[in-house]
Amino acid sequence: MSDLTPASSELGSEPIIVHVDASFEPLIPKFMANRKKEITTMTGAVDQGDFETV
């Protein structure tokens, strides 16, 4: 992944561009997968009114 690779955003039509030090690049896929899991957990918690989890 280049440090200029745009990421898609559901919040807007413009891509989000991030610059990442090359030493962190191998960590990004797992980091992003974990954030996706957290969003799923938080969305379910909001749907159930479980704001402590959120």
PDB file of N, CA and C in Angstrom:
ATOM      1  N   MET A   1       0.855  -1.175   0.000  1.00  0.00           N
ATOM      2  CA  MET A   1       0.000   0.000   0.000  1.00  0.00           C
ATOM      3  C   MET A   1       0.893   1.227   0.000  1.00  0.00           C
ATOM      4  N   SER A   2       0.649   2.078  -0.919  1.00  0.00           N
ATOM      5  CA  SER A   2       1.376   3.338  -0.975  1.00  0.00           C
ATOM      6  C   SER A   2       0.843   4.268   0.085  1.00  0.00           C
ATOM      7  N   ASP A   3       1.683   5.176   0.556  1.00  0.00           N
ATOM      8  CA  ASP A   3       1.202   6.122   1.555  1.00  0.00           C
ATOM      9  C   ASP A   3       0.248   7.142   0.950  1.00  0.00           C
ATOM     10  N   LEU A   4      -0.002   7.048  -0.350  1.00  0.00           N
ATOM     11  CA  LEU A   4      -0.930   7.959  -1.004  1.00  0.00           C
ATOM     12  C   LEU A   4      -2.179   7.244  -1.507  1.00  0.00           C
ATOM     13  N   THR A   5      -2.391   6.000  -1.073  1.00  0.00           N
ATOM     14  CA  THR A   5      -3.561   5.250  -1.489  1.00  0.00           C
ATOM     15  C   THR A   5      -4.803   5.807  -0.817  1.00  0.00           C
ATOM     16  N   PRO A   6      -5.797   6.251  -1.605  1.00  0.00           N
ATOM     17  CA  PRO A   6      -7.014   6.773  -0.975  1.00  0.00           C
ATOM     18  C   PRO A   6      -7.851   5.658  -0.369  1.00  0.00           C
ATOM     19  N   ALA A   7      -8.479   5.948   0.748  1.00  0.00           N
ATOM     20  CA  ALA A   7      -9.411   5.032   1.384  1.00  0.00           C
ATOM     21  C   ALA A   7     -10.812   5.554   1.141  1.00  0.00           C
ATOM     22  N   SER A   8     -11.740   4.650   0.888  1.00  0.00           N
ATOM     23  CA  SER A   8     -13.109   5.112   0.668  1.00  0.00           C
ATOM     24  C   SER A   8     -13.731   5.498   2.001  1.00  0.00           C
ATOM     25  N   SER A   9     -14.667   6.403   1.940  1.00  0.00           N
ATOM     26  CA  SER A   9     -15.346   6.867   3.139  1.00  0.00           C
ATOM     27  C   SER A   9     -16.840   6.841   2.911  1.00  0.00           C
ATOM     28  N   GLU A  10     -17.567   6.233   3.845  1.00  0.00           N
ATOM     29  CA  GLU A  10     -19.023   6.243   3.755  1.00  0.00           C
ATOM     30  C   GLU A  10     -19.576   7.577   4.252  1.00  0.00           C
ATOM     31  N   LEU A  11     -18.744   8.397   4.873  1.00  0.00           N
ATOM     32  CA  LEU A  11     -19.205   9.659   5.421  1.00  0.00           C
ATOM     33  C   LEU A  11     -19.249  10.766   4.375  1.00  0.00           C
ATOM     34  N   GLY A  12     -18.568  10.587   3.284  1.00  0.00           N
ATOM     35  CA  GLY A  12     -18.552  11.606   2.253  1.00  0.00           C
ATOM     36  C   GLY A  12     -18.099  11.016   0.939  1.00  0.00           C
ATOM     37  N   SER A  13     -18.152  11.824  -0.082  1.00  0.00           N
ATOM     38  CA  SER A  13     -17.788  11.329  -1.405  1.00  0.00           C
ATOM     39  C   SER A  13     -16.297  11.455  -1.688  1.00  0.00           C
ATOM     40  N   GLU A  14     -15.609  12.243  -0.908  1.00  0.00           N
ATOM     41  CA  GLU A  14     -14.178  12.434  -1.126  1.00  0.00           C
ATOM     42  C   GLU A  14     -13.387  11.335  -0.416  1.00  0.00           C
ATOM     43  N   PRO A  15     -12.336  10.815  -1.071  1.00  0.00           N
ATOM     44  CA  PRO A  15     -11.505   9.801  -0.402  1.00  0.00           C
ATOM     45  C   PRO A  15     -10.720  10.434   0.744  1.00  0.00           C
ATOM     46  N   ILE A  16     -10.432   9.627   1.734  1.00  0.00           N
ATOM     47  CA  ILE A  16      -9.593  10.055   2.840  1.00  0.00           C
ATOM     48  C   ILE A  16      -8.182   9.576   2.530  1.00  0.00           C
ATOM     49  N   ILE A  17      -7.244  10.477   2.529  1.00  0.00           N
ATOM     50  CA  ILE A  17      -5.855  10.123   2.227  1.00  0.00           C
ATOM     51  C   ILE A  17      -5.049  10.212   3.512  1.00  0.00           C
ATOM     52  N   VAL A  18      -4.363   9.129   3.828  1.00  0.00           N
ATOM     53  CA  VAL A  18      -3.524   9.107   5.018  1.00  0.00           C
ATOM     54  C   VAL A  18      -2.085   8.818   4.615  1.00  0.00           C
ATOM     55  N   HIS A  19      -1.182   9.320   5.394  1.00  0.00           N
ATOM     56  CA  HIS A  19       0.244   9.069   5.179  1.00  0.00           C
ATOM     57  C   HIS A  19       0.732   8.240   6.352  1.00  0.00           C
ATOM     58  N   VAL A  20       1.258   7.065   6.059  1.00  0.00           N
ATOM     59  CA  VAL A  20       1.665   6.128   7.092  1.00  0.00           C
ATOM     60  C   VAL A  20       3.144   5.819   6.938  1.00  0.00           C
ATOM     61  N   ASP A  21       3.844   5.887   8.049  1.00  0.00           N
ATOM     62  CA  ASP A  21       5.248   5.501   8.045  1.00  0.00           C
ATOM     63  C   ASP A  21       5.341   4.042   7.598  1.00  0.00           C
ATOM     64  N   ALA A  22       6.297   3.746   6.762  1.00  0.00           N
ATOM     65  CA  ALA A  22       6.433   2.404   6.191  1.00  0.00           C
ATOM     66  C   ALA A  22       6.562   1.321   7.257  1.00  0.00           C
ATOM     67  N   SER A  23       7.108   1.658   8.409  1.00  0.00           N
ATOM     68  CA  SER A  23       7.267   0.640   9.463  1.00  0.00           C
ATOM     69  C   SER A  23       5.924   0.195  10.037  1.00  0.00           C
ATOM     70  N   PHE A  24       4.876   1.006   9.889  1.00  0.00           N
ATOM     71  CA  PHE A  24       3.547   0.645  10.379  1.00  0.00           C
ATOM     72  C   PHE A  24       2.708  -0.071   9.326  1.00  0.00           C
ATOM     73  N   GLU A  25       3.116  -0.014   8.105  1.00  0.00           N
ATOM     74  CA  GLU A  25       2.317  -0.556   7.006  1.00  0.00           C
ATOM     75  C   GLU A  25       1.867  -2.002   7.213  1.00  0.00           C
ATOM     76  N   PRO A  26       2.714  -2.903   7.706  1.00  0.00           N
ATOM     77  CA  PRO A  26       2.263  -4.288   7.905  1.00  0.00           C
ATOM     78  C   PRO A  26       1.164  -4.432   8.973  1.00  0.00           C
ATOM     79  N   LEU A  27       1.029  -3.463   9.843  1.00  0.00           N
ATOM     80  CA  LEU A  27       0.048  -3.532  10.926  1.00  0.00           C
ATOM     81  C   LEU A  27      -1.340  -3.050  10.516  1.00  0.00           C
ATOM     82  N   ILE A  28      -1.431  -2.330   9.430  1.00  0.00           N
ATOM     83  CA  ILE A  28      -2.674  -1.663   9.051  1.00  0.00           C
ATOM     84  C   ILE A  28      -3.833  -2.626   8.770  1.00  0.00           C
ATOM     85  N   PRO A  29      -3.649  -3.710   8.028  1.00  0.00           N
ATOM     86  CA  PRO A  29      -4.799  -4.595   7.760  1.00  0.00           C
ATOM     87  C   PRO A  29      -5.455  -5.124   9.036  1.00  0.00           C
ATOM     88  N   LYS A  30      -4.668  -5.588  10.002  1.00  0.00           N
ATOM     89  CA  LYS A  30      -5.248  -6.102  11.247  1.00  0.00           C
ATOM     90  C   LYS A  30      -5.886  -4.969  12.046  1.00  0.00           C
ATOM     91  N   PHE A  31      -5.252  -3.818  12.084  1.00  0.00           N
ATOM     92  CA  PHE A  31      -5.811  -2.666  12.788  1.00  0.00           C
ATOM     93  C   PHE A  31      -7.177  -2.313  12.213  1.00  0.00           C
ATOM     94  N   MET A  32      -7.279  -2.242  10.900  1.00  0.00           N
ATOM     95  CA  MET A  32      -8.547  -1.882  10.263  1.00  0.00           C
ATOM     96  C   MET A  32      -9.605  -2.975  10.466  1.00  0.00           C
ATOM     97  N   ALA A  33      -9.210  -4.239  10.438  1.00  0.00           N
ATOM     98  CA  ALA A  33     -10.159  -5.330  10.693  1.00  0.00           C
ATOM     99  C   ALA A  33     -10.718  -5.221  12.112  1.00  0.00           C
ATOM    100  N   ASN A  34      -9.863  -4.885  13.063  1.00  0.00           N
ATOM    101  CA  ASN A  34     -10.321  -4.722  14.444  1.00  0.00           C
ATOM    102  C   ASN A  34     -11.270  -3.540  14.577  1.00  0.00           C
ATOM    103  N   ARG A  35     -11.015  -2.447  13.859  1.00  0.00           N
ATOM    104  CA  ARG A  35     -11.928  -1.301  13.917  1.00  0.00           C
ATOM    105  C   ARG A  35     -13.284  -1.675  13.335  1.00  0.00           C
ATOM    106  N   LYS A  36     -13.281  -2.470  12.258  1.00  0.00           N
ATOM    107  CA  LYS A  36     -14.541  -2.902  11.649  1.00  0.00           C
ATOM    108  C   LYS A  36     -15.348  -3.743  12.638  1.00  0.00           C
ATOM    109  N   LYS A  37     -14.670  -4.637  13.377  1.00  0.00           N
ATOM    110  CA  LYS A  37     -15.356  -5.447  14.395  1.00  0.00           C
ATOM    111  C   LYS A  37     -15.933  -4.546  15.483  1.00  0.00           C
ATOM    112  N   GLU A  38     -15.178  -3.540  15.894  1.00  0.00           N
ATOM    113  CA  GLU A  38     -15.660  -2.626  16.928  1.00  0.00           C
ATOM    114  C   GLU A  38     -16.899  -1.862  16.465  1.00  0.00           C
ATOM    115  N   ILE A  39     -16.916  -1.446  15.211  1.00  0.00           N
ATOM    116  CA  ILE A  39     -18.078  -0.732  14.673  1.00  0.00           C
ATOM    117  C   ILE A  39     -19.299  -1.644  14.678  1.00  0.00           C
ATOM    118  N   THR A  40     -19.119  -2.896  14.298  1.00  0.00           N
ATOM    119  CA  THR A  40     -20.215  -3.859  14.314  1.00  0.00           C
ATOM    120  C   THR A  40     -20.738  -4.043  15.741  1.00  0.00           C
ATOM    121  N   THR A  41     -19.832  -4.178  16.695  1.00  0.00           N
ATOM    122  CA  THR A  41     -20.221  -4.331  18.098  1.00  0.00           C
ATOM    123  C   THR A  41     -20.962  -3.099  18.595  1.00  0.00           C
ATOM    124  N   MET A  42     -20.437  -1.924  18.286  1.00  0.00           N
ATOM    125  CA  MET A  42     -21.070  -0.691  18.743  1.00  0.00           C
ATOM    126  C   MET A  42     -22.435  -0.478  18.098  1.00  0.00           C
ATOM    127  N   THR A  43     -22.564  -0.791  16.820  1.00  0.00           N
ATOM    128  CA  THR A  43     -23.852  -0.640  16.134  1.00  0.00           C
ATOM    129  C   THR A  43     -24.902  -1.537  16.774  1.00  0.00           C
ATOM    130  N   GLY A  44     -24.528  -2.779  17.053  1.00  0.00           N
ATOM    131  CA  GLY A  44     -25.452  -3.693  17.717  1.00  0.00           C
ATOM    132  C   GLY A  44     -25.823  -3.206  19.107  1.00  0.00           C
ATOM    133  N   ALA A  45     -24.852  -2.667  19.822  1.00  0.00           N
ATOM    134  CA  ALA A  45     -25.117  -2.154  21.169  1.00  0.00           C
ATOM    135  C   ALA A  45     -26.062  -0.954  21.126  1.00  0.00           C
ATOM    136  N   VAL A  46     -25.872  -0.061  20.152  1.00  0.00           N
ATOM    137  CA  VAL A  46     -26.766   1.091  20.015  1.00  0.00           C
ATOM    138  C   VAL A  46     -28.178   0.616  19.717  1.00  0.00           C
ATOM    139  N   ASP A  47     -28.307  -0.348  18.824  1.00  0.00           N
ATOM    140  CA  ASP A  47     -29.625  -0.886  18.473  1.00  0.00           C
ATOM    141  C   ASP A  47     -30.348  -1.465  19.684  1.00  0.00           C
ATOM    142  N   GLN A  48     -29.571  -1.979  20.648  1.00  0.00           N
ATOM    143  CA  GLN A  48     -30.155  -2.583  21.844  1.00  0.00           C
ATOM    144  C   GLN A  48     -30.197  -1.613  23.017  1.00  0.00           C
ATOM    145  N   GLY A  49     -29.754  -0.384  22.801  1.00  0.00           N
ATOM    146  CA  GLY A  49     -29.755   0.601  23.878  1.00  0.00           C
ATOM    147  C   GLY A  49     -28.671   0.358  24.914  1.00  0.00           C
ATOM    148  N   ASP A  50     -27.652  -0.399  24.559  1.00  0.00           N
ATOM    149  CA  ASP A  50     -26.551  -0.728  25.476  1.00  0.00           C
ATOM    150  C   ASP A  50     -25.441   0.310  25.318  1.00  0.00           C
ATOM    151  N   PHE A  51     -25.654   1.460  25.926  1.00  0.00           N
ATOM    152  CA  PHE A  51     -24.715   2.566  25.735  1.00  0.00           C
ATOM    153  C   PHE A  51     -23.448   2.397  26.565  1.00  0.00           C
ATOM    154  N   GLU A  52     -23.457   1.518  27.544  1.00  0.00           N
ATOM    155  CA  GLU A  52     -22.237   1.241  28.305  1.00  0.00           C
ATOM    156  C   GLU A  52     -21.205   0.574  27.392  1.00  0.00           C
ATOM    157  N   THR A  53     -21.677  -0.349  26.547  1.00  0.00           N
ATOM    158  CA  THR A  53     -20.773  -1.005  25.607  1.00  0.00           C
ATOM    159  C   THR A  53     -20.228  -0.008  24.594  1.00  0.00           C
ATOM    160  N   VAL A  54     -21.099   0.859  24.133  1.00  0.00           N
ATOM    161  CA  VAL A  54     -20.672   1.873  23.164  1.00  0.00           C
ATOM    162  C   VAL A  54     -19.603   2.740  23.798  1.00  0.00           C
TER     163      VAL A  54
END
